Amino acid sequence: MAEDDPGDLNALDAQLKAARERSPEPESRSGPTGDRAGMAEGMRLSAELLAGVLVGLGIGWALDRWLGTGPWLLLVFLLLGTAAGILTVIRSGNKPDKK
């Protein structure tokens, strides 16, 4: 087997350098910070919605056990908690961005 000619390696090296200069920089795998901020906002809004539903469930369940009214207050407060959670998400989503 013949050894590689150093001239060929230098030509290949020059071609690789030229190709690297022409190609754009690869993007970061983590993505831009704007994507993270949007994801954080989405997680916060979903947590607010879930909190409203869970608080409604808790209040309804406690009142049903205390008053012995069956599932009726649980259902009423579940609906109220869901409505409050949705209203909170809508209000938070309509706020202008802070920049």
PDB file of N, CA and C in Angstrom:
ATOM      1  N   MET A   1       0.828  -1.176   0.000  1.00  0.00           N
ATOM      2  CA  MET A   1       0.000   0.000   0.000  1.00  0.00           C
ATOM      3  C   MET A   1       0.875   1.242   0.000  1.00  0.00           C
ATOM      4  N   ALA A   2       0.545   2.164  -0.844  1.00  0.00           N
ATOM      5  CA  ALA A   2       1.346   3.387  -0.937  1.00  0.00           C
ATOM      6  C   ALA A   2       0.892   4.382   0.104  1.00  0.00           C
ATOM      7  N   GLU A   3       1.860   5.153   0.618  1.00  0.00           N
ATOM      8  CA  GLU A   3       1.519   6.188   1.596  1.00  0.00           C
ATOM      9  C   GLU A   3       0.857   7.362   0.881  1.00  0.00           C
ATOM     10  N   ASP A   4       0.012   8.119   1.640  1.00  0.00           N
ATOM     11  CA  ASP A   4      -0.651   9.291   1.061  1.00  0.00           C
ATOM     12  C   ASP A   4       0.365  10.369   0.778  1.00  0.00           C
ATOM     13  N   ASP A   5       0.173  11.005  -0.323  1.00  0.00           N
ATOM     14  CA  ASP A   5       1.052  12.107  -0.714  1.00  0.00           C
ATOM     15  C   ASP A   5       0.739  13.317   0.157  1.00  0.00           C
ATOM     16  N   PRO A   6       1.692  13.973   0.815  1.00  0.00           N
ATOM     17  CA  PRO A   6       1.426  15.148   1.654  1.00  0.00           C
ATOM     18  C   PRO A   6       0.758  16.270   0.866  1.00  0.00           C
ATOM     19  N   GLY A   7       1.015  16.357  -0.417  1.00  0.00           N
ATOM     20  CA  GLY A   7       0.369  17.383  -1.233  1.00  0.00           C
ATOM     21  C   GLY A   7      -1.126  17.157  -1.326  1.00  0.00           C
ATOM     22  N   ASP A   8      -1.526  15.885  -1.419  1.00  0.00           N
ATOM     23  CA  ASP A   8      -2.952  15.558  -1.463  1.00  0.00           C
ATOM     24  C   ASP A   8      -3.635  15.906  -0.138  1.00  0.00           C
ATOM     25  N   LEU A   9      -2.950  15.628   0.962  1.00  0.00           N
ATOM     26  CA  LEU A   9      -3.517  15.944   2.276  1.00  0.00           C
ATOM     27  C   LEU A   9      -3.653  17.451   2.473  1.00  0.00           C
ATOM     28  N   ASN A  10      -2.679  18.214   2.018  1.00  0.00           N
ATOM     29  CA  ASN A  10      -2.770  19.666   2.135  1.00  0.00           C
ATOM     30  C   ASN A  10      -3.911  20.208   1.287  1.00  0.00           C
ATOM     31  N   ALA A  11      -4.111  19.647   0.088  1.00  0.00           N
ATOM     32  CA  ALA A  11      -5.213  20.078  -0.781  1.00  0.00           C
ATOM     33  C   ALA A  11      -6.553  19.736  -0.133  1.00  0.00           C
ATOM     34  N   LEU A  12      -6.638  18.531   0.461  1.00  0.00           N
ATOM     35  CA  LEU A  12      -7.867  18.133   1.145  1.00  0.00           C
ATOM     36  C   LEU A  12      -8.139  19.038   2.341  1.00  0.00           C
ATOM     37  N   ASP A  13      -7.102  19.374   3.090  1.00  0.00           N
ATOM     38  CA  ASP A  13      -7.241  20.263   4.237  1.00  0.00           C
ATOM     39  C   ASP A  13      -7.748  21.645   3.794  1.00  0.00           C
ATOM     40  N   ALA A  14      -7.224  22.150   2.700  1.00  0.00           N
ATOM     41  CA  ALA A  14      -7.662  23.449   2.194  1.00  0.00           C
ATOM     42  C   ALA A  14      -9.117  23.394   1.748  1.00  0.00           C
ATOM     43  N   GLN A  15      -9.535  22.295   1.129  1.00  0.00           N
ATOM     44  CA  GLN A  15     -10.928  22.152   0.705  1.00  0.00           C
ATOM     45  C   GLN A  15     -11.865  22.083   1.913  1.00  0.00           C
ATOM     46  N   LEU A  16     -11.458  21.371   2.942  1.00  0.00           N
ATOM     47  CA  LEU A  16     -12.284  21.283   4.155  1.00  0.00           C
ATOM     48  C   LEU A  16     -12.434  22.642   4.834  1.00  0.00           C
ATOM     49  N   LYS A  17     -11.345  23.393   4.912  1.00  0.00           N
ATOM     50  CA  LYS A  17     -11.415  24.731   5.512  1.00  0.00           C
ATOM     51  C   LYS A  17     -12.335  25.640   4.719  1.00  0.00           C
ATOM     52  N   ALA A  18     -12.269  25.573   3.408  1.00  0.00           N
ATOM     53  CA  ALA A  18     -13.133  26.402   2.561  1.00  0.00           C
ATOM     54  C   ALA A  18     -14.594  26.014   2.736  1.00  0.00           C
ATOM     55  N   ALA A  19     -14.869  24.719   2.845  1.00  0.00           N
ATOM     56  CA  ALA A  19     -16.249  24.258   3.034  1.00  0.00           C
ATOM     57  C   ALA A  19     -16.791  24.697   4.389  1.00  0.00           C
ATOM     58  N   ARG A  20     -15.949  24.669   5.410  1.00  0.00           N
ATOM     59  CA  ARG A  20     -16.389  25.102   6.745  1.00  0.00           C
ATOM     60  C   ARG A  20     -16.693  26.590   6.778  1.00  0.00           C
ATOM     61  N   GLU A  21     -15.935  27.378   6.044  1.00  0.00           N
ATOM     62  CA  GLU A  21     -16.173  28.830   5.994  1.00  0.00           C
ATOM     63  C   GLU A  21     -17.462  29.149   5.256  1.00  0.00           C
ATOM     64  N   ARG A  22     -17.812  28.354   4.264  1.00  0.00           N
ATOM     65  CA  ARG A  22     -19.042  28.596   3.499  1.00  0.00           C
ATOM     66  C   ARG A  22     -20.290  28.178   4.262  1.00  0.00           C
ATOM     67  N   SER A  23     -20.199  27.150   5.086  1.00  0.00           N
ATOM     68  CA  SER A  23     -21.393  26.636   5.762  1.00  0.00           C
ATOM     69  C   SER A  23     -21.715  27.504   6.980  1.00  0.00           C
ATOM     70  N   PRO A  24     -23.030  27.665   7.267  1.00  0.00           N
ATOM     71  CA  PRO A  24     -23.415  28.458   8.452  1.00  0.00           C
ATOM     72  C   PRO A  24     -23.123  27.689   9.736  1.00  0.00           C
ATOM     73  N   GLU A  25     -23.085  28.430  10.818  1.00  0.00           N
ATOM     74  CA  GLU A  25     -22.857  27.830  12.124  1.00  0.00           C
ATOM     75  C   GLU A  25     -24.046  26.949  12.496  1.00  0.00           C
ATOM     76  N   PRO A  26     -23.809  25.776  13.044  1.00  0.00           N
ATOM     77  CA  PRO A  26     -24.934  24.931  13.469  1.00  0.00           C
ATOM     78  C   PRO A  26     -25.655  25.565  14.655  1.00  0.00           C
ATOM     79  N   GLU A  27     -26.978  25.351  14.691  1.00  0.00           N
ATOM     80  CA  GLU A  27     -27.769  25.903  15.791  1.00  0.00           C
ATOM     81  C   GLU A  27     -27.563  25.079  17.046  1.00  0.00           C
ATOM     82  N   SER A  28     -27.741  25.729  18.159  1.00  0.00           N
ATOM     83  CA  SER A  28     -27.613  25.054  19.446  1.00  0.00           C
ATOM     84  C   SER A  28     -28.743  24.041  19.604  1.00  0.00           C
ATOM     85  N   ARG A  29     -28.460  22.915  20.210  1.00  0.00           N
ATOM     86  CA  ARG A  29     -29.495  21.900  20.422  1.00  0.00           C
ATOM     87  C   ARG A  29     -30.525  22.331  21.453  1.00  0.00           C
ATOM     88  N   SER A  30     -30.147  23.196  22.361  1.00  0.00           N
ATOM     89  CA  SER A  30     -31.083  23.617  23.396  1.00  0.00           C
ATOM     90  C   SER A  30     -32.097  24.616  22.863  1.00  0.00           C
ATOM     91  N   GLY A  31     -31.845  25.209  21.731  1.00  0.00           N
ATOM     92  CA  GLY A  31     -32.782  26.150  21.146  1.00  0.00           C
ATOM     93  C   GLY A  31     -32.603  27.538  21.732  1.00  0.00           C
ATOM     94  N   PRO A  32     -33.207  28.510  21.088  1.00  0.00           N
ATOM     95  CA  PRO A  32     -33.086  29.868  21.599  1.00  0.00           C
ATOM     96  C   PRO A  32     -33.849  30.035  22.907  1.00  0.00           C
ATOM     97  N   THR A  33     -33.494  31.073  23.642  1.00  0.00           N
ATOM     98  CA  THR A  33     -34.128  31.281  24.950  1.00  0.00           C
ATOM     99  C   THR A  33     -35.596  31.650  24.811  1.00  0.00           C
ATOM    100  N   GLY A  34     -36.012  32.169  23.670  1.00  0.00           N
ATOM    101  CA  GLY A  34     -37.421  32.496  23.466  1.00  0.00           C
ATOM    102  C   GLY A  34     -38.301  31.260  23.549  1.00  0.00           C
ATOM    103  N   ASP A  35     -37.794  30.124  23.064  1.00  0.00           N
ATOM    104  CA  ASP A  35     -38.553  28.880  23.153  1.00  0.00           C
ATOM    105  C   ASP A  35     -38.723  28.457  24.605  1.00  0.00           C
ATOM    106  N   ARG A  36     -37.685  28.630  25.388  1.00  0.00           N
ATOM    107  CA  ARG A  36     -37.781  28.268  26.804  1.00  0.00           C
ATOM    108  C   ARG A  36     -38.745  29.185  27.539  1.00  0.00           C
ATOM    109  N   ALA A  37     -38.736  30.450  27.187  1.00  0.00           N
ATOM    110  CA  ALA A  37     -39.643  31.380  27.855  1.00  0.00           C
ATOM    111  C   ALA A  37     -41.090  31.040  27.515  1.00  0.00           C
ATOM    112  N   GLY A  38     -41.346  30.675  26.277  1.00  0.00           N
ATOM    113  CA  GLY A  38     -42.696  30.281  25.884  1.00  0.00           C
ATOM    114  C   GLY A  38     -43.133  29.006  26.580  1.00  0.00           C
ATOM    115  N   MET A  39     -42.221  28.075  26.712  1.00  0.00           N
ATOM    116  CA  MET A  39     -42.541  26.831  27.400  1.00  0.00           C
ATOM    117  C   MET A  39     -42.816  27.082  28.876  1.00  0.00           C
ATOM    118  N   ALA A  40     -42.031  27.949  29.483  1.00  0.00           N
ATOM    119  CA  ALA A  40     -42.247  28.286  30.892  1.00  0.00           C
ATOM    120  C   ALA A  40     -43.602  28.957  31.087  1.00  0.00           C
ATOM    121  N   GLU A  41     -43.966  29.829  30.154  1.00  0.00           N
ATOM    122  CA  GLU A  41     -45.269  30.498  30.238  1.00  0.00           C
ATOM    123  C   GLU A  41     -46.403  29.481  30.098  1.00  0.00           C
ATOM    124  N   GLY A  42     -46.253  28.548  29.189  1.00  0.00           N
ATOM    125  CA  GLY A  42     -47.268  27.507  29.017  1.00  0.00           C
ATOM    126  C   GLY A  42     -47.407  26.623  30.244  1.00  0.00           C
ATOM    127  N   MET A  43     -46.285  26.276  30.844  1.00  0.00           N
ATOM    128  CA  MET A  43     -46.342  25.461  32.058  1.00  0.00           C
ATOM    129  C   MET A  43     -47.008  26.218  33.206  1.00  0.00           C
ATOM    130  N   ARG A  44     -46.721  27.515  33.314  1.00  0.00           N
ATOM    131  CA  ARG A  44     -47.329  28.315  34.368  1.00  0.00           C
ATOM    132  C   ARG A  44     -48.839  28.411  34.174  1.00  0.00           C
ATOM    133  N   LEU A  45     -49.275  28.627  32.931  1.00  0.00           N
ATOM    134  CA  LEU A  45     -50.711  28.746  32.662  1.00  0.00           C
ATOM    135  C   LEU A  45     -51.428  27.418  32.912  1.00  0.00           C
ATOM    136  N   SER A  46     -50.805  26.307  32.526  1.00  0.00           N
ATOM    137  CA  SER A  46     -51.440  25.012  32.777  1.00  0.00           C
ATOM    138  C   SER A  46     -51.499  24.712  34.274  1.00  0.00           C
ATOM    139  N   ALA A  47     -50.503  25.145  35.022  1.00  0.00           N
ATOM    140  CA  ALA A  47     -50.531  24.954  36.472  1.00  0.00           C
ATOM    141  C   ALA A  47     -51.637  25.788  37.110  1.00  0.00           C
ATOM    142  N   GLU A  48     -51.861  26.996  36.601  1.00  0.00           N
ATOM    143  CA  GLU A  48     -52.950  27.827  37.129  1.00  0.00           C
ATOM    144  C   GLU A  48     -54.307  27.199  36.849  1.00  0.00           C
ATOM    145  N   LEU A  49     -54.474  26.641  35.662  1.00  0.00           N
ATOM    146  CA  LEU A  49     -55.735  25.969  35.339  1.00  0.00           C
ATOM    147  C   LEU A  49     -55.944  24.759  36.234  1.00  0.00           C
ATOM    148  N   LEU A  50     -54.914  23.948  36.395  1.00  0.00           N
ATOM    149  CA  LEU A  50     -55.013  22.770  37.241  1.00  0.00           C
ATOM    150  C   LEU A  50     -55.286  23.147  38.697  1.00  0.00           C
ATOM    151  N   ALA A  51     -54.687  24.217  39.169  1.00  0.00           N
ATOM    152  CA  ALA A  51     -54.913  24.658  40.545  1.00  0.00           C
ATOM    153  C   ALA A  51     -56.373  25.048  40.767  1.00  0.00           C
ATOM    154  N   GLY A  52     -56.954  25.753  39.800  1.00  0.00           N
ATOM    155  CA  GLY A  52     -58.361  26.134  39.923  1.00  0.00           C
ATOM    156  C   GLY A  52     -59.264  24.921  40.007  1.00  0.00           C
ATOM    157  N   VAL A  53     -59.014  23.921  39.175  1.00  0.00           N
ATOM    158  CA  VAL A  53     -59.823  22.701  39.184  1.00  0.00           C
ATOM    159  C   VAL A  53     -59.651  21.956  40.502  1.00  0.00           C
ATOM    160  N   LEU A  54     -58.417  21.829  40.973  1.00  0.00           N
ATOM    161  CA  LEU A  54     -58.172  21.084  42.214  1.00  0.00           C
ATOM    162  C   LEU A  54     -58.749  21.791  43.438  1.00  0.00           C
ATOM    163  N   VAL A  55     -58.671  23.107  43.470  1.00  0.00           N
ATOM    164  CA  VAL A  55     -59.264  23.848  44.595  1.00  0.00           C
ATOM    165  C   VAL A  55     -60.780  23.679  44.591  1.00  0.00           C
ATOM    166  N   GLY A  56     -61.398  23.762  43.418  1.00  0.00           N
ATOM    167  CA  GLY A  56     -62.843  23.536  43.319  1.00  0.00           C
ATOM    168  C   GLY A  56     -63.225  22.138  43.774  1.00  0.00           C
ATOM    169  N   LEU A  57     -62.463  21.142  43.348  1.00  0.00           N
ATOM    170  CA  LEU A  57     -62.730  19.773  43.789  1.00  0.00           C
ATOM    171  C   LEU A  57     -62.596  19.634  45.300  1.00  0.00           C
ATOM    172  N   GLY A  58     -61.558  20.217  45.862  1.00  0.00           N
ATOM    173  CA  GLY A  58     -61.334  20.105  47.305  1.00  0.00           C
ATOM    174  C   GLY A  58     -62.446  20.759  48.117  1.00  0.00           C
ATOM    175  N   ILE A  59     -62.844  21.950  47.706  1.00  0.00           N
ATOM    176  CA  ILE A  59     -63.913  22.645  48.439  1.00  0.00           C
ATOM    177  C   ILE A  59     -65.225  21.879  48.317  1.00  0.00           C
ATOM    178  N   GLY A  60     -65.551  21.420  47.105  1.00  0.00           N
ATOM    179  CA  GLY A  60     -66.790  20.661  46.907  1.00  0.00           C
ATOM    180  C   GLY A  60     -66.805  19.368  47.689  1.00  0.00           C
ATOM    181  N   TRP A  61     -65.694  18.652  47.684  1.00  0.00           N
ATOM    182  CA  TRP A  61     -65.616  17.396  48.418  1.00  0.00           C
ATOM    183  C   TRP A  61     -65.782  17.639  49.919  1.00  0.00           C
ATOM    184  N   ALA A  62     -65.089  18.675  50.444  1.00  0.00           N
ATOM    185  CA  ALA A  62     -65.170  18.964  51.880  1.00  0.00           C
ATOM    186  C   ALA A  62     -66.585  19.369  52.284  1.00  0.00           C
ATOM    187  N   LEU A  63     -67.220  20.203  51.476  1.00  0.00           N
ATOM    188  CA  LEU A  63     -68.596  20.611  51.800  1.00  0.00           C
ATOM    189  C   LEU A  63     -69.567  19.442  51.710  1.00  0.00           C
ATOM    190  N   ASP A  64     -69.400  18.573  50.745  1.00  0.00           N
ATOM    191  CA  ASP A  64     -70.268  17.393  50.640  1.00  0.00           C
ATOM    192  C   ASP A  64     -70.120  16.480  51.846  1.00  0.00           C
ATOM    193  N   ARG A  65     -68.898  16.285  52.299  1.00  0.00           N
ATOM    194  CA  ARG A  65     -68.704  15.431  53.485  1.00  0.00           C
ATOM    195  C   ARG A  65     -69.291  16.088  54.735  1.00  0.00           C
ATOM    196  N   TRP A  66     -69.133  17.393  54.842  1.00  0.00           N
ATOM    197  CA  TRP A  66     -69.598  18.114  56.033  1.00  0.00           C
ATOM    198  C   TRP A  66     -71.125  18.193  56.062  1.00  0.00           C
ATOM    199  N   LEU A  67     -71.732  18.494  54.906  1.00  0.00           N
ATOM    200  CA  LEU A  67     -73.180  18.679  54.849  1.00  0.00           C
ATOM    201  C   LEU A  67     -73.938  17.418  54.442  1.00  0.00           C
ATOM    202  N   GLY A  68     -73.239  16.414  53.938  1.00  0.00           N
ATOM    203  CA  GLY A  68     -73.885  15.170  53.528  1.00  0.00           C
ATOM    204  C   GLY A  68     -74.780  15.346  52.315  1.00  0.00           C
ATOM    205  N   THR A  69     -74.380  16.151  51.372  1.00  0.00           N
ATOM    206  CA  THR A  69     -75.226  16.442  50.215  1.00  0.00           C
ATOM    207  C   THR A  69     -74.902  15.586  48.995  1.00  0.00           C
ATOM    208  N   GLY A  70     -74.079  14.571  49.154  1.00  0.00           N
ATOM    209  CA  GLY A  70     -73.771  13.715  48.008  1.00  0.00           C
ATOM    210  C   GLY A  70     -72.813  14.407  47.049  1.00  0.00           C
ATOM    211  N   PRO A  71     -72.859  14.062  45.794  1.00  0.00           N
ATOM    212  CA  PRO A  71     -71.871  14.626  44.871  1.00  0.00           C
ATOM    213  C   PRO A  71     -72.240  16.006  44.332  1.00  0.00           C
ATOM    214  N   TRP A  72     -73.333  16.604  44.800  1.00  0.00           N
ATOM    215  CA  TRP A  72     -73.831  17.821  44.157  1.00  0.00           C
ATOM    216  C   TRP A  72     -72.922  19.031  44.359  1.00  0.00           C
ATOM    217  N   LEU A  73     -72.477  19.256  45.565  1.00  0.00           N
ATOM    218  CA  LEU A  73     -71.580  20.393  45.784  1.00  0.00           C
ATOM    219  C   LEU A  73     -70.213  20.150  45.149  1.00  0.00           C
ATOM    220  N   LEU A  74     -69.799  18.886  45.100  1.00  0.00           N
ATOM    221  CA  LEU A  74     -68.556  18.556  44.419  1.00  0.00           C
ATOM    222  C   LEU A  74     -68.650  18.946  42.944  1.00  0.00           C
ATOM    223  N   LEU A  75     -69.750  18.615  42.304  1.00  0.00           N
ATOM    224  CA  LEU A  75     -69.938  18.959  40.890  1.00  0.00           C
ATOM    225  C   LEU A  75     -70.028  20.468  40.678  1.00  0.00           C
ATOM    226  N   VAL A  76     -70.754  21.143  41.563  1.00  0.00           N
ATOM    227  CA  VAL A  76     -70.906  22.595  41.433  1.00  0.00           C
ATOM    228  C   VAL A  76     -69.555  23.287  41.581  1.00  0.00           C
ATOM    229  N   PHE A  77     -68.799  22.906  42.603  1.00  0.00           N
ATOM    230  CA  PHE A  77     -67.507  23.559  42.821  1.00  0.00           C
ATOM    231  C   PHE A  77     -66.449  23.113  41.807  1.00  0.00           C
ATOM    232  N   LEU A  78     -66.617  21.923  41.252  1.00  0.00           N
ATOM    233  CA  LEU A  78     -65.736  21.512  40.156  1.00  0.00           C
ATOM    234  C   LEU A  78     -65.942  22.432  38.962  1.00  0.00           C
ATOM    235  N   LEU A  79     -67.192  22.716  38.633  1.00  0.00           N
ATOM    236  CA  LEU A  79     -67.475  23.634  37.527  1.00  0.00           C
ATOM    237  C   LEU A  79     -66.995  25.052  37.841  1.00  0.00           C
ATOM    238  N   LEU A  80     -67.220  25.495  39.069  1.00  0.00           N
ATOM    239  CA  LEU A  80     -66.755  26.835  39.444  1.00  0.00           C
ATOM    240  C   LEU A  80     -65.232  26.929  39.426  1.00  0.00           C
ATOM    241  N   GLY A  81     -64.556  25.905  39.907  1.00  0.00           N
ATOM    242  CA  GLY A  81     -63.097  25.897  39.894  1.00  0.00           C
ATOM    243  C   GLY A  81     -62.541  25.867  38.477  1.00  0.00           C
ATOM    244  N   THR A  82     -63.195  25.096  37.602  1.00  0.00           N
ATOM    245  CA  THR A  82     -62.773  25.055  36.206  1.00  0.00           C
ATOM    246  C   THR A  82     -62.972  26.410  35.544  1.00  0.00           C
ATOM    247  N   ALA A  83     -64.116  27.035  35.790  1.00  0.00           N
ATOM    248  CA  ALA A  83     -64.375  28.360  35.218  1.00  0.00           C
ATOM    249  C   ALA A  83     -63.377  29.389  35.742  1.00  0.00           C
ATOM    250  N   ALA A  84     -63.065  29.331  37.025  1.00  0.00           N
ATOM    251  CA  ALA A  84     -62.094  30.266  37.595  1.00  0.00           C
ATOM    252  C   ALA A  84     -60.710  30.034  37.009  1.00  0.00           C
ATOM    253  N   GLY A  85     -60.328  28.770  36.822  1.00  0.00           N
ATOM    254  CA  GLY A  85     -59.032  28.467  36.224  1.00  0.00           C
ATOM    255  C   GLY A  85     -58.934  28.956  34.791  1.00  0.00           C
ATOM    256  N   ILE A  86     -59.992  28.755  34.017  1.00  0.00           N
ATOM    257  CA  ILE A  86     -60.010  29.227  32.630  1.00  0.00           C
ATOM    258  C   ILE A  86     -59.953  30.745  32.586  1.00  0.00           C
ATOM    259  N   LEU A  87     -60.693  31.401  33.448  1.00  0.00           N
ATOM    260  CA  LEU A  87     -60.680  32.868  33.490  1.00  0.00           C
ATOM    261  C   LEU A  87     -59.284  33.395  33.853  1.00  0.00           C
ATOM    262  N   THR A  88     -58.624  32.737  34.787  1.00  0.00           N
ATOM    263  CA  THR A  88     -57.264  33.135  35.165  1.00  0.00           C
ATOM    264  C   THR A  88     -56.298  32.969  34.000  1.00  0.00           C
ATOM    265  N   VAL A  89     -56.415  31.856  33.270  1.00  0.00           N
ATOM    266  CA  VAL A  89     -55.548  31.614  32.120  1.00  0.00           C
ATOM    267  C   VAL A  89     -55.790  32.662  31.040  1.00  0.00           C
ATOM    268  N   ILE A  90     -57.050  32.997  30.792  1.00  0.00           N
ATOM    269  CA  ILE A  90     -57.365  34.010  29.779  1.00  0.00           C
ATOM    270  C   ILE A  90     -56.794  35.366  30.185  1.00  0.00           C
ATOM    271  N   ARG A  91     -56.967  35.734  31.439  1.00  0.00           N
ATOM    272  CA  ARG A  91     -56.430  37.019  31.899  1.00  0.00           C
ATOM    273  C   ARG A  91     -54.907  37.056  31.836  1.00  0.00           C
ATOM    274  N   SER A  92     -54.261  35.974  32.226  1.00  0.00           N
ATOM    275  CA  SER A  92     -52.795  35.933  32.182  1.00  0.00           C
ATOM    276  C   SER A  92     -52.284  35.915  30.752  1.00  0.00           C
ATOM    277  N   GLY A  93     -52.997  35.237  29.873  1.00  0.00           N
ATOM    278  CA  GLY A  93     -52.579  35.162  28.487  1.00  0.00           C
ATOM    279  C   GLY A  93     -52.757  36.452  27.735  1.00  0.00           C
ATOM    280  N   ASN A  94     -53.637  37.306  28.184  1.00  0.00           N
ATOM    281  CA  ASN A  94     -53.892  38.584  27.497  1.00  0.00           C
ATOM    282  C   ASN A  94     -52.988  39.722  27.958  1.00  0.00           C
ATOM    283  N   LYS A  95     -52.180  39.483  28.975  1.00  0.00           N
ATOM    284  CA  LYS A  95     -51.280  40.538  29.457  1.00  0.00           C
ATOM    285  C   LYS A  95     -50.201  40.787  28.416  1.00  0.00           C
ATOM    286  N   PRO A  96     -49.804  42.044  28.230  1.00  0.00           N
ATOM    287  CA  PRO A  96     -48.724  42.315  27.274  1.00  0.00           C
ATOM    288  C   PRO A  96     -47.400  41.761  27.776  1.00  0.00           C
ATOM    289  N   ASP A  97     -46.536  41.401  26.830  1.00  0.00           N
ATOM    290  CA  ASP A  97     -45.222  40.849  27.177  1.00  0.00           C
ATOM    291  C   ASP A  97     -44.366  41.914  27.832  1.00  0.00           C
ATOM    292  N   LYS A  98     -43.586  41.484  28.836  1.00  0.00           N
ATOM    293  CA  LYS A  98     -42.627  42.390  29.486  1.00  0.00           C
ATOM    294  C   LYS A  98     -41.307  42.271  28.776  1.00  0.00           C
ATOM    295  N   LYS A  99     -40.817  43.361  28.218  1.00  0.00           N
ATOM    296  CA  LYS A  99     -39.529  43.324  27.521  1.00  0.00           C
ATOM    297  C   LYS A  99     -38.655  44.442  27.968  1.00  0.00           C
TER     298      LYS A  99
END
